[in-house]
Amino acid sequence: MALIMVAELVYAAQLRALGDTRGIIYVSVLAAFCGTVPAAWFFVDVLDLGLWGIFLGLLLGWIIRSSAVWVRFQRTAKPSA
């Protein structure tokens, strides 16, 4: 999980340095409310995994957030020639 978090934090910091702060906020909020919360609910209540379900929900949320930030970085950052 730490590698996923590190990748997201690095790309997010680079986007903030490029001035794309609003995009990072949108990605974080959407990943939390559309990814982490529903996934944690599904794993805890539907699959009855308890604490492991919360962990899996958080992991899935970080994967979604990291992927979205990476896509945003690929679209925003232009290599200098």
C-alpha atoms as a PDB file:
ATOM      1  CA  MET A   1       0.000   0.000   0.000  1.00  0.00           C
ATOM      2  CA  ALA A   2       2.895   2.331   0.715  1.00  0.00           C
ATOM      3  CA  LEU A   3       4.155   2.204  -2.876  1.00  0.00           C
ATOM      4  CA  ILE A   4       0.728   3.195  -4.186  1.00  0.00           C
ATOM      5  CA  MET A   5       0.553   6.086  -1.740  1.00  0.00           C
ATOM      6  CA  VAL A   6       4.059   7.262  -2.622  1.00  0.00           C
ATOM      7  CA  ALA A   7       3.306   7.233  -6.359  1.00  0.00           C
ATOM      8  CA  GLU A   8       0.140   9.263  -5.809  1.00  0.00           C
ATOM      9  CA  LEU A   9       1.879  11.776  -3.560  1.00  0.00           C
ATOM     10  CA  VAL A  10       4.766  12.276  -5.999  1.00  0.00           C
ATOM     11  CA  TYR A  11       2.529  12.832  -9.019  1.00  0.00           C
ATOM     12  CA  ALA A  12       0.174  15.049  -7.009  1.00  0.00           C
ATOM     13  CA  ALA A  13       3.093  17.176  -5.798  1.00  0.00           C
ATOM     14  CA  GLN A  14       4.349  17.565  -9.365  1.00  0.00           C
ATOM     15  CA  LEU A  15       0.903  18.627 -10.529  1.00  0.00           C
ATOM     16  CA  ARG A  16       0.668  21.136  -7.678  1.00  0.00           C
ATOM     17  CA  ALA A  17       4.045  22.527  -8.722  1.00  0.00           C
ATOM     18  CA  LEU A  18       2.665  22.956 -12.236  1.00  0.00           C
ATOM     19  CA  GLY A  19      -0.262  24.914 -10.793  1.00  0.00           C
ATOM     20  CA  ASP A  20      -2.940  22.223 -11.101  1.00  0.00           C
ATOM     21  CA  THR A  21      -4.217  22.362  -7.523  1.00  0.00           C
ATOM     22  CA  ARG A  22      -7.907  22.290  -8.377  1.00  0.00           C
ATOM     23  CA  GLY A  23      -7.564  19.022 -10.300  1.00  0.00           C
ATOM     24  CA  ILE A  24      -5.916  17.307  -7.340  1.00  0.00           C
ATOM     25  CA  ILE A  25      -8.724  18.414  -5.039  1.00  0.00           C
ATOM     26  CA  TYR A  26     -11.358  17.051  -7.438  1.00  0.00           C
ATOM     27  CA  VAL A  27      -9.538  13.742  -7.817  1.00  0.00           C
ATOM     28  CA  SER A  28      -9.113  13.346  -4.058  1.00  0.00           C
ATOM     29  CA  VAL A  29     -12.733  14.131  -3.215  1.00  0.00           C
ATOM     30  CA  LEU A  30     -14.150  11.948  -5.993  1.00  0.00           C
ATOM     31  CA  ALA A  31     -11.853   9.055  -5.136  1.00  0.00           C
ATOM     32  CA  ALA A  32     -12.855   9.265  -1.487  1.00  0.00           C
ATOM     33  CA  PHE A  33     -16.615   9.492  -1.965  1.00  0.00           C
ATOM     34  CA  CYS A  34     -16.976   7.389  -5.122  1.00  0.00           C
ATOM     35  CA  GLY A  35     -14.247   4.834  -4.420  1.00  0.00           C
ATOM     36  CA  THR A  36     -13.157   4.438  -0.815  1.00  0.00           C
ATOM     37  CA  VAL A  37     -16.480   4.793   0.979  1.00  0.00           C
ATOM     38  CA  PRO A  38     -18.528   2.493  -1.312  1.00  0.00           C
ATOM     39  CA  ALA A  39     -15.738  -0.077  -1.437  1.00  0.00           C
ATOM     40  CA  ALA A  40     -15.357  -0.114   2.339  1.00  0.00           C
ATOM     41  CA  TRP A  41     -19.132  -0.426   2.756  1.00  0.00           C
ATOM     42  CA  PHE A  42     -19.236  -3.305   0.266  1.00  0.00           C
ATOM     43  CA  PHE A  43     -16.378  -5.189   1.889  1.00  0.00           C
ATOM     44  CA  VAL A  44     -17.620  -4.617   5.455  1.00  0.00           C
ATOM     45  CA  ASP A  45     -21.401  -4.963   5.151  1.00  0.00           C
ATOM     46  CA  VAL A  46     -21.959  -7.118   2.075  1.00  0.00           C
ATOM     47  CA  LEU A  47     -18.959  -9.455   2.291  1.00  0.00           C
ATOM     48  CA  ASP A  48     -18.802  -9.214   6.109  1.00  0.00           C
ATOM     49  CA  LEU A  49     -15.006  -8.855   6.227  1.00  0.00           C
ATOM     50  CA  GLY A  50     -14.894  -6.503   9.200  1.00  0.00           C
ATOM     51  CA  LEU A  51     -11.599  -4.695   9.739  1.00  0.00           C
ATOM     52  CA  TRP A  52     -10.061  -6.365   6.689  1.00  0.00           C
ATOM     53  CA  GLY A  53     -12.900  -4.888   4.649  1.00  0.00           C
ATOM     54  CA  ILE A  54     -11.995  -1.399   5.800  1.00  0.00           C
ATOM     55  CA  PHE A  55      -8.378  -2.008   4.842  1.00  0.00           C
ATOM     56  CA  LEU A  56      -9.373  -3.337   1.419  1.00  0.00           C
ATOM     57  CA  GLY A  57     -11.678  -0.359   0.886  1.00  0.00           C
ATOM     58  CA  LEU A  58      -8.861   2.045   1.718  1.00  0.00           C
ATOM     59  CA  LEU A  59      -6.504   0.146  -0.560  1.00  0.00           C
ATOM     60  CA  LEU A  60      -8.962   0.284  -3.429  1.00  0.00           C
ATOM     61  CA  GLY A  61      -9.507   3.997  -2.802  1.00  0.00           C
ATOM     62  CA  TRP A  62      -5.768   4.669  -2.976  1.00  0.00           C
ATOM     63  CA  ILE A  63      -5.493   2.639  -6.181  1.00  0.00           C
ATOM     64  CA  ILE A  64      -8.299   4.678  -7.747  1.00  0.00           C
ATOM     65  CA  ARG A  65      -6.800   7.959  -6.544  1.00  0.00           C
ATOM     66  CA  SER A  66      -3.310   7.040  -7.685  1.00  0.00           C
ATOM     67  CA  SER A  67      -4.546   5.962 -11.107  1.00  0.00           C
ATOM     68  CA  ALA A  68      -6.593   9.132 -11.560  1.00  0.00           C
ATOM     69  CA  VAL A  69      -3.684  11.369 -10.547  1.00  0.00           C
ATOM     70  CA  TRP A  70      -1.362   9.496 -12.902  1.00  0.00           C
ATOM     71  CA  VAL A  71      -3.800   9.949 -15.799  1.00  0.00           C
ATOM     72  CA  ARG A  72      -4.161  13.634 -14.950  1.00  0.00           C
ATOM     73  CA  PHE A  73      -0.385  13.985 -14.832  1.00  0.00           C
ATOM     74  CA  GLN A  74       0.016  12.303 -18.225  1.00  0.00           C
ATOM     75  CA  ARG A  75      -2.519  14.699 -19.763  1.00  0.00           C
ATOM     76  CA  THR A  76      -1.229  17.843 -18.049  1.00  0.00           C
ATOM     77  CA  ALA A  77       2.566  17.558 -18.026  1.00  0.00           C
ATOM     78  CA  LYS A  78       4.118  18.260 -21.387  1.00  0.00           C
ATOM     79  CA  PRO A  79       7.760  17.284 -21.894  1.00  0.00           C
ATOM     80  CA  SER A  80      10.022  20.139 -22.831  1.00  0.00           C
ATOM     81  CA  ALA A  81      11.944  19.697 -26.056  1.00  0.00           C
END
